[in-house]
């Protein structure tokens, strides 16, 4: 993976990994990460294998985010 693509992707990923990320911020940054991967594949900065691995990581982060949201909603205030 091109180093510049990796740096931008890492920065976007860091914005969806926090515990206080709003659903709108998570969705926007998740979509941004997918766009980075699609653009990276289109211009040759990301191989298909690398993109597939990163997409799998995004899916795992989305599942974890959803679990955290459900736990947050079930906790007494």
PDB file of N, CA and C in Angstrom:
ATOM      1  N   UNK A   1       0.852  -1.175   0.000  1.00  0.00           N
ATOM      2  CA  UNK A   1       0.000   0.000   0.000  1.00  0.00           C
ATOM      3  C   UNK A   1       0.895   1.235   0.000  1.00  0.00           C
ATOM      4  N   UNK A   2       0.510   2.175  -0.820  1.00  0.00           N
ATOM      5  CA  UNK A   2       1.240   3.430  -0.894  1.00  0.00           C
ATOM      6  C   UNK A   2       1.245   4.096   0.487  1.00  0.00           C
ATOM      7  N   UNK A   3       2.382   4.642   0.880  1.00  0.00           N
ATOM      8  CA  UNK A   3       2.531   5.231   2.220  1.00  0.00           C
ATOM      9  C   UNK A   3       1.564   6.388   2.448  1.00  0.00           C
ATOM     10  N   UNK A   4       1.292   7.178   1.412  1.00  0.00           N
ATOM     11  CA  UNK A   4       0.373   8.312   1.581  1.00  0.00           C
ATOM     12  C   UNK A   4      -1.057   7.830   1.795  1.00  0.00           C
ATOM     13  N   UNK A   5      -1.431   6.786   1.063  1.00  0.00           N
ATOM     14  CA  UNK A   5      -2.768   6.212   1.243  1.00  0.00           C
ATOM     15  C   UNK A   5      -2.891   5.629   2.647  1.00  0.00           C
ATOM     16  N   UNK A   6      -1.852   4.930   3.090  1.00  0.00           N
ATOM     17  CA  UNK A   6      -1.856   4.329   4.427  1.00  0.00           C
ATOM     18  C   UNK A   6      -2.015   5.387   5.507  1.00  0.00           C
ATOM     19  N   UNK A   7      -1.298   6.500   5.363  1.00  0.00           N
ATOM     20  CA  UNK A   7      -1.363   7.573   6.368  1.00  0.00           C
ATOM     21  C   UNK A   7      -2.765   8.163   6.450  1.00  0.00           C
ATOM     22  N   UNK A   8      -3.380   8.435   5.300  1.00  0.00           N
ATOM     23  CA  UNK A   8      -4.727   9.014   5.293  1.00  0.00           C
ATOM     24  C   UNK A   8      -5.734   8.001   5.830  1.00  0.00           C
ATOM     25  N   UNK A   9      -5.586   6.750   5.441  1.00  0.00           N
ATOM     26  CA  UNK A   9      -6.497   5.711   5.933  1.00  0.00           C
ATOM     27  C   UNK A   9      -6.351   5.542   7.440  1.00  0.00           C
ATOM     28  N   UNK A  10      -5.133   5.534   7.949  1.00  0.00           N
ATOM     29  CA  UNK A  10      -4.923   5.410   9.401  1.00  0.00           C
ATOM     30  C   UNK A  10      -5.551   6.574  10.159  1.00  0.00           C
ATOM     31  N   UNK A  11      -5.440   7.765   9.593  1.00  0.00           N
ATOM     32  CA  UNK A  11      -6.039   8.929  10.246  1.00  0.00           C
ATOM     33  C   UNK A  11      -7.561   8.805  10.286  1.00  0.00           C
ATOM     34  N   UNK A  12      -8.149   8.371   9.179  1.00  0.00           N
ATOM     35  CA  UNK A  12      -9.603   8.193   9.142  1.00  0.00           C
ATOM     36  C   UNK A  12     -10.041   7.071  10.084  1.00  0.00           C
ATOM     37  N   UNK A  13      -9.273   6.006  10.129  1.00  0.00           N
ATOM     38  CA  UNK A  13      -9.602   4.898  11.031  1.00  0.00           C
ATOM     39  C   UNK A  13      -9.542   5.330  12.493  1.00  0.00           C
ATOM     40  N   UNK A  14      -8.602   6.187  12.824  1.00  0.00           N
ATOM     41  CA  UNK A  14      -8.489   6.627  14.214  1.00  0.00           C
ATOM     42  C   UNK A  14      -9.727   7.396  14.659  1.00  0.00           C
ATOM     43  N   UNK A  15     -10.422   8.003  13.720  1.00  0.00           N
ATOM     44  CA  UNK A  15     -11.615   8.778  14.059  1.00  0.00           C
ATOM     45  C   UNK A  15     -12.844   7.918  14.293  1.00  0.00           C
ATOM     46  N   UNK A  16     -12.792   6.635  13.937  1.00  0.00           N
ATOM     47  CA  UNK A  16     -13.950   5.766  14.192  1.00  0.00           C
ATOM     48  C   UNK A  16     -13.688   4.765  15.298  1.00  0.00           C
ATOM     49  N   UNK A  17     -12.524   4.810  15.901  1.00  0.00           N
ATOM     50  CA  UNK A  17     -12.185   3.829  16.923  1.00  0.00           C
ATOM     51  C   UNK A  17     -12.411   4.319  18.344  1.00  0.00           C
ATOM     52  N   UNK A  18     -12.745   5.571  18.528  1.00  0.00           N
ATOM     53  CA  UNK A  18     -12.964   6.090  19.871  1.00  0.00           C
ATOM     54  C   UNK A  18     -14.274   5.593  20.465  1.00  0.00           C
ATOM     55  N   UNK A  19     -14.403   5.738  21.760  1.00  0.00           N
ATOM     56  CA  UNK A  19     -15.621   5.283  22.431  1.00  0.00           C
ATOM     57  C   UNK A  19     -16.712   6.344  22.411  1.00  0.00           C
ATOM     58  N   UNK A  20     -16.368   7.589  22.150  1.00  0.00           N
ATOM     59  CA  UNK A  20     -17.345   8.675  22.175  1.00  0.00           C
ATOM     60  C   UNK A  20     -17.703   9.174  20.779  1.00  0.00           C
ATOM     61  N   UNK A  21     -17.621   8.318  19.789  1.00  0.00           N
ATOM     62  CA  UNK A  21     -17.910   8.698  18.409  1.00  0.00           C
ATOM     63  C   UNK A  21     -19.417   8.642  18.186  1.00  0.00           C
ATOM     64  N   UNK A  22     -19.970   9.728  17.673  1.00  0.00           N
ATOM     65  CA  UNK A  22     -21.404   9.744  17.393  1.00  0.00           C
ATOM     66  C   UNK A  22     -21.709   8.851  16.191  1.00  0.00           C
ATOM     67  N   UNK A  23     -22.942   8.366  16.085  1.00  0.00           N
ATOM     68  CA  UNK A  23     -23.300   7.540  14.926  1.00  0.00           C
ATOM     69  C   UNK A  23     -23.064   8.256  13.591  1.00  0.00           C
ATOM     70  N   UNK A  24     -23.359   9.545  13.529  1.00  0.00           N
ATOM     71  CA  UNK A  24     -23.160  10.287  12.281  1.00  0.00           C
ATOM     72  C   UNK A  24     -21.669  10.384  11.942  1.00  0.00           C
ATOM     73  N   UNK A  25     -20.844  10.652  12.936  1.00  0.00           N
ATOM     74  CA  UNK A  25     -19.395  10.735  12.708  1.00  0.00           C
ATOM     75  C   UNK A  25     -18.839   9.374  12.301  1.00  0.00           C
ATOM     76  N   UNK A  26     -19.331   8.324  12.946  1.00  0.00           N
ATOM     77  CA  UNK A  26     -18.870   6.981  12.593  1.00  0.00           C
ATOM     78  C   UNK A  26     -19.234   6.670  11.148  1.00  0.00           C
ATOM     79  N   UNK A  27     -20.473   6.919  10.776  1.00  0.00           N
ATOM     80  CA  UNK A  27     -20.917   6.613   9.412  1.00  0.00           C
ATOM     81  C   UNK A  27     -20.134   7.411   8.373  1.00  0.00           C
ATOM     82  N   UNK A  28     -19.918   8.687   8.648  1.00  0.00           N
ATOM     83  CA  UNK A  28     -19.176   9.519   7.710  1.00  0.00           C
ATOM     84  C   UNK A  28     -17.743   9.068   7.530  1.00  0.00           C
ATOM     85  N   UNK A  29     -17.074   8.765   8.627  1.00  0.00           N
ATOM     86  CA  UNK A  29     -15.681   8.321   8.540  1.00  0.00           C
ATOM     87  C   UNK A  29     -15.567   6.904   7.993  1.00  0.00           C
ATOM     88  N   UNK A  30     -16.555   6.067   8.262  1.00  0.00           N
ATOM     89  CA  UNK A  30     -16.586   4.718   7.692  1.00  0.00           C
ATOM     90  C   UNK A  30     -16.673   4.821   6.169  1.00  0.00           C
ATOM     91  N   UNK A  31     -17.578   5.662   5.691  1.00  0.00           N
ATOM     92  CA  UNK A  31     -17.725   5.866   4.249  1.00  0.00           C
ATOM     93  C   UNK A  31     -16.451   6.466   3.657  1.00  0.00           C
ATOM     94  N   UNK A  32     -15.818   7.378   4.388  1.00  0.00           N
ATOM     95  CA  UNK A  32     -14.572   7.979   3.933  1.00  0.00           C
ATOM     96  C   UNK A  32     -13.492   6.906   3.781  1.00  0.00           C
ATOM     97  N   UNK A  33     -13.410   5.986   4.742  1.00  0.00           N
ATOM     98  CA  UNK A  33     -12.437   4.896   4.658  1.00  0.00           C
ATOM     99  C   UNK A  33     -12.694   4.032   3.422  1.00  0.00           C
ATOM    100  N   UNK A  34     -13.950   3.716   3.166  1.00  0.00           N
ATOM    101  CA  UNK A  34     -14.271   2.930   1.967  1.00  0.00           C
ATOM    102  C   UNK A  34     -13.892   3.684   0.705  1.00  0.00           C
ATOM    103  N   UNK A  35     -14.123   4.981   0.693  1.00  0.00           N
ATOM    104  CA  UNK A  35     -13.747   5.800  -0.457  1.00  0.00           C
ATOM    105  C   UNK A  35     -12.247   5.826  -0.674  1.00  0.00           C
ATOM    106  N   UNK A  36     -11.489   5.892   0.413  1.00  0.00           N
ATOM    107  CA  UNK A  36     -10.029   5.856   0.307  1.00  0.00           C
ATOM    108  C   UNK A  36      -9.597   4.542  -0.325  1.00  0.00           C
ATOM    109  N   UNK A  37     -10.201   3.449   0.111  1.00  0.00           N
ATOM    110  CA  UNK A  37      -9.835   2.142  -0.437  1.00  0.00           C
ATOM    111  C   UNK A  37     -10.218   2.026  -1.906  1.00  0.00           C
ATOM    112  N   UNK A  38     -11.398   2.497  -2.250  1.00  0.00           N
ATOM    113  CA  UNK A  38     -11.823   2.438  -3.650  1.00  0.00           C
ATOM    114  C   UNK A  38     -10.921   3.288  -4.529  1.00  0.00           C
ATOM    115  N   UNK A  39     -10.622   4.502  -4.080  1.00  0.00           N
ATOM    116  CA  UNK A  39      -9.731   5.375  -4.836  1.00  0.00           C
ATOM    117  C   UNK A  39      -8.326   4.810  -4.927  1.00  0.00           C
ATOM    118  N   UNK A  40      -7.869   4.237  -3.823  1.00  0.00           N
ATOM    119  CA  UNK A  40      -6.543   3.630  -3.820  1.00  0.00           C
ATOM    120  C   UNK A  40      -6.430   2.484  -4.797  1.00  0.00           C
ATOM    121  N   UNK A  41      -7.483   1.670  -4.875  1.00  0.00           N
ATOM    122  CA  UNK A  41      -7.495   0.563  -5.847  1.00  0.00           C
ATOM    123  C   UNK A  41      -7.522   1.101  -7.275  1.00  0.00           C
ATOM    124  N   UNK A  42      -8.306   2.135  -7.495  1.00  0.00           N
ATOM    125  CA  UNK A  42      -8.457   2.693  -8.842  1.00  0.00           C
ATOM    126  C   UNK A  42      -7.154   3.285  -9.360  1.00  0.00           C
ATOM    127  N   UNK A  43      -6.366   3.881  -8.477  1.00  0.00           N
ATOM    128  CA  UNK A  43      -5.128   4.533  -8.937  1.00  0.00           C
ATOM    129  C   UNK A  43      -3.898   3.650  -8.744  1.00  0.00           C
ATOM    130  N   UNK A  44      -4.084   2.461  -8.233  1.00  0.00           N
ATOM    131  CA  UNK A  44      -2.965   1.542  -8.076  1.00  0.00           C
ATOM    132  C   UNK A  44      -2.187   1.695  -6.789  1.00  0.00           C
ATOM    133  N   UNK A  45      -2.686   2.482  -5.852  1.00  0.00           N
ATOM    134  CA  UNK A  45      -1.999   2.670  -4.581  1.00  0.00           C
ATOM    135  C   UNK A  45      -2.329   1.601  -3.556  1.00  0.00           C
ATOM    136  N   UNK A  46      -3.359   0.807  -3.849  1.00  0.00           N
ATOM    137  CA  UNK A  46      -3.790  -0.259  -2.943  1.00  0.00           C
ATOM    138  C   UNK A  46      -4.101  -1.493  -3.785  1.00  0.00           C
ATOM    139  N   UNK A  47      -3.553  -2.633  -3.410  1.00  0.00           N
ATOM    140  CA  UNK A  47      -3.860  -3.870  -4.132  1.00  0.00           C
ATOM    141  C   UNK A  47      -5.236  -4.379  -3.682  1.00  0.00           C
ATOM    142  N   UNK A  48      -5.806  -5.250  -4.470  1.00  0.00           N
ATOM    143  CA  UNK A  48      -7.106  -5.837  -4.113  1.00  0.00           C
ATOM    144  C   UNK A  48      -7.014  -6.611  -2.801  1.00  0.00           C
ATOM    145  N   UNK A  49      -5.932  -7.324  -2.596  1.00  0.00           N
ATOM    146  CA  UNK A  49      -5.761  -8.080  -1.349  1.00  0.00           C
ATOM    147  C   UNK A  49      -5.699  -7.149  -0.140  1.00  0.00           C
ATOM    148  N   UNK A  50      -4.962  -6.049  -0.285  1.00  0.00           N
ATOM    149  CA  UNK A  50      -4.874  -5.078   0.813  1.00  0.00           C
ATOM    150  C   UNK A  50      -6.234  -4.441   1.077  1.00  0.00           C
ATOM    151  N   UNK A  51      -6.952  -4.113   0.013  1.00  0.00           N
ATOM    152  CA  UNK A  51      -8.276  -3.514   0.163  1.00  0.00           C
ATOM    153  C   UNK A  51      -9.230  -4.483   0.846  1.00  0.00           C
ATOM    154  N   UNK A  52      -9.165  -5.751   0.468  1.00  0.00           N
ATOM    155  CA  UNK A  52     -10.028  -6.752   1.101  1.00  0.00           C
ATOM    156  C   UNK A  52      -9.734  -6.884   2.585  1.00  0.00           C
ATOM    157  N   UNK A  53      -8.456  -6.849   2.937  1.00  0.00           N
ATOM    158  CA  UNK A  53      -8.075  -6.933   4.349  1.00  0.00           C
ATOM    159  C   UNK A  53      -8.571  -5.713   5.123  1.00  0.00           C
ATOM    160  N   UNK A  54      -8.418  -4.542   4.550  1.00  0.00           N
ATOM    161  CA  UNK A  54      -8.888  -3.321   5.209  1.00  0.00           C
ATOM    162  C   UNK A  54     -10.407  -3.293   5.320  1.00  0.00           C
ATOM    163  N   UNK A  55     -11.104  -3.779   4.295  1.00  0.00           N
ATOM    164  CA  UNK A  55     -12.574  -3.858   4.378  1.00  0.00           C
ATOM    165  C   UNK A  55     -13.000  -4.789   5.499  1.00  0.00           C
ATOM    166  N   UNK A  56     -12.296  -5.902   5.657  1.00  0.00           N
ATOM    167  CA  UNK A  56     -12.601  -6.828   6.757  1.00  0.00           C
ATOM    168  C   UNK A  56     -12.389  -6.135   8.102  1.00  0.00           C
ATOM    169  N   UNK A  57     -11.327  -5.341   8.215  1.00  0.00           N
ATOM    170  CA  UNK A  57     -11.085  -4.591   9.457  1.00  0.00           C
ATOM    171  C   UNK A  57     -12.221  -3.595   9.702  1.00  0.00           C
ATOM    172  N   UNK A  58     -12.685  -2.934   8.645  1.00  0.00           N
ATOM    173  CA  UNK A  58     -13.794  -1.983   8.796  1.00  0.00           C
ATOM    174  C   UNK A  58     -15.067  -2.683   9.253  1.00  0.00           C
ATOM    175  N   UNK A  59     -15.326  -3.846   8.707  1.00  0.00           N
ATOM    176  CA  UNK A  59     -16.509  -4.610   9.119  1.00  0.00           C
ATOM    177  C   UNK A  59     -16.418  -4.975  10.601  1.00  0.00           C
ATOM    178  N   UNK A  60     -15.234  -5.374  11.045  1.00  0.00           N
ATOM    179  CA  UNK A  60     -15.039  -5.701  12.464  1.00  0.00           C
ATOM    180  C   UNK A  60     -15.235  -4.464  13.335  1.00  0.00           C
ATOM    181  N   UNK A  61     -14.708  -3.326  12.901  1.00  0.00           N
ATOM    182  CA  UNK A  61     -14.893  -2.082  13.659  1.00  0.00           C
ATOM    183  C   UNK A  61     -16.369  -1.692  13.718  1.00  0.00           C
ATOM    184  N   UNK A  62     -17.091  -1.895  12.624  1.00  0.00           N
ATOM    185  CA  UNK A  62     -18.516  -1.566  12.607  1.00  0.00           C
ATOM    186  C   UNK A  62     -19.291  -2.467  13.570  1.00  0.00           C
ATOM    187  N   UNK A  63     -18.950  -3.736  13.606  1.00  0.00           N
ATOM    188  CA  UNK A  63     -19.616  -4.658  14.528  1.00  0.00           C
ATOM    189  C   UNK A  63     -19.323  -4.269  15.978  1.00  0.00           C
ATOM    190  N   UNK A  64     -18.084  -3.939  16.256  1.00  0.00           N
ATOM    191  CA  UNK A  64     -17.708  -3.510  17.604  1.00  0.00           C
ATOM    192  C   UNK A  64     -18.422  -2.217  17.986  1.00  0.00           C
ATOM    193  N   UNK A  65     -18.511  -1.292  17.054  1.00  0.00           N
ATOM    194  CA  UNK A  65     -19.203  -0.029  17.319  1.00  0.00           C
ATOM    195  C   UNK A  65     -20.677  -0.296  17.637  1.00  0.00           C
ATOM    196  N   UNK A  66     -21.295  -1.163  16.874  1.00  0.00           N
ATOM    197  CA  UNK A  66     -22.707  -1.479  17.104  1.00  0.00           C
ATOM    198  C   UNK A  66     -22.921  -2.104  18.480  1.00  0.00           C
ATOM    199  N   UNK A  67     -22.039  -2.995  18.870  1.00  0.00           N
ATOM    200  CA  UNK A  67     -22.135  -3.614  20.202  1.00  0.00           C
ATOM    201  C   UNK A  67     -21.988  -2.548  21.286  1.00  0.00           C
ATOM    202  N   UNK A  68     -21.017  -1.650  21.118  1.00  0.00           N
ATOM    203  CA  UNK A  68     -20.834  -0.584  22.112  1.00  0.00           C
ATOM    204  C   UNK A  68     -22.076   0.295  22.215  1.00  0.00           C
ATOM    205  N   UNK A  69     -22.703   0.588  21.085  1.00  0.00           N
ATOM    206  CA  UNK A  69     -23.901   1.415  21.097  1.00  0.00           C
ATOM    207  C   UNK A  69     -25.043   0.714  21.818  1.00  0.00           C
ATOM    208  N   UNK A  70     -25.195  -0.569  21.583  1.00  0.00           N
ATOM    209  CA  UNK A  70     -26.262  -1.325  22.251  1.00  0.00           C
ATOM    210  C   UNK A  70     -26.017  -1.403  23.756  1.00  0.00           C
ATOM    211  N   UNK A  71     -24.759  -1.573  24.143  1.00  0.00           N
ATOM    212  CA  UNK A  71     -24.443  -1.609  25.578  1.00  0.00           C
ATOM    213  C   UNK A  71     -24.713  -0.256  26.202  1.00  0.00           C
ATOM    214  N   UNK A  72     -24.326   0.809  25.507  1.00  0.00           N
ATOM    215  CA  UNK A  72     -24.540   2.169  26.003  1.00  0.00           C
ATOM    216  C   UNK A  72     -26.027   2.438  26.205  1.00  0.00           C
ATOM    217  N   UNK A  73     -26.857   1.952  25.281  1.00  0.00           N
ATOM    218  CA  UNK A  73     -28.299   2.179  25.387  1.00  0.00           C
ATOM    219  C   UNK A  73     -28.927   1.357  26.508  1.00  0.00           C
ATOM    220  N   UNK A  74     -28.325   0.217  26.831  1.00  0.00           N
ATOM    221  CA  UNK A  74     -28.918  -0.640  27.856  1.00  0.00           C
ATOM    222  C   UNK A  74     -28.485  -0.297  29.272  1.00  0.00           C
ATOM    223  N   UNK A  75     -27.450   0.540  29.416  1.00  0.00           N
ATOM    224  CA  UNK A  75     -26.992   0.924  30.743  1.00  0.00           C
ATOM    225  C   UNK A  75     -27.973   1.927  31.370  1.00  0.00           C
ATOM    226  N   UNK A  76     -28.229   1.778  32.664  1.00  0.00           N
ATOM    227  CA  UNK A  76     -29.101   2.771  33.317  1.00  0.00           C
ATOM    228  C   UNK A  76     -28.424   4.127  33.376  1.00  0.00           C
ATOM    229  N   UNK A  77     -29.219   5.184  33.212  1.00  0.00           N
ATOM    230  CA  UNK A  77     -28.621   6.523  33.230  1.00  0.00           C
ATOM    231  C   UNK A  77     -28.544   7.114  34.600  1.00  0.00           C
TER     232      UNK A  77
END
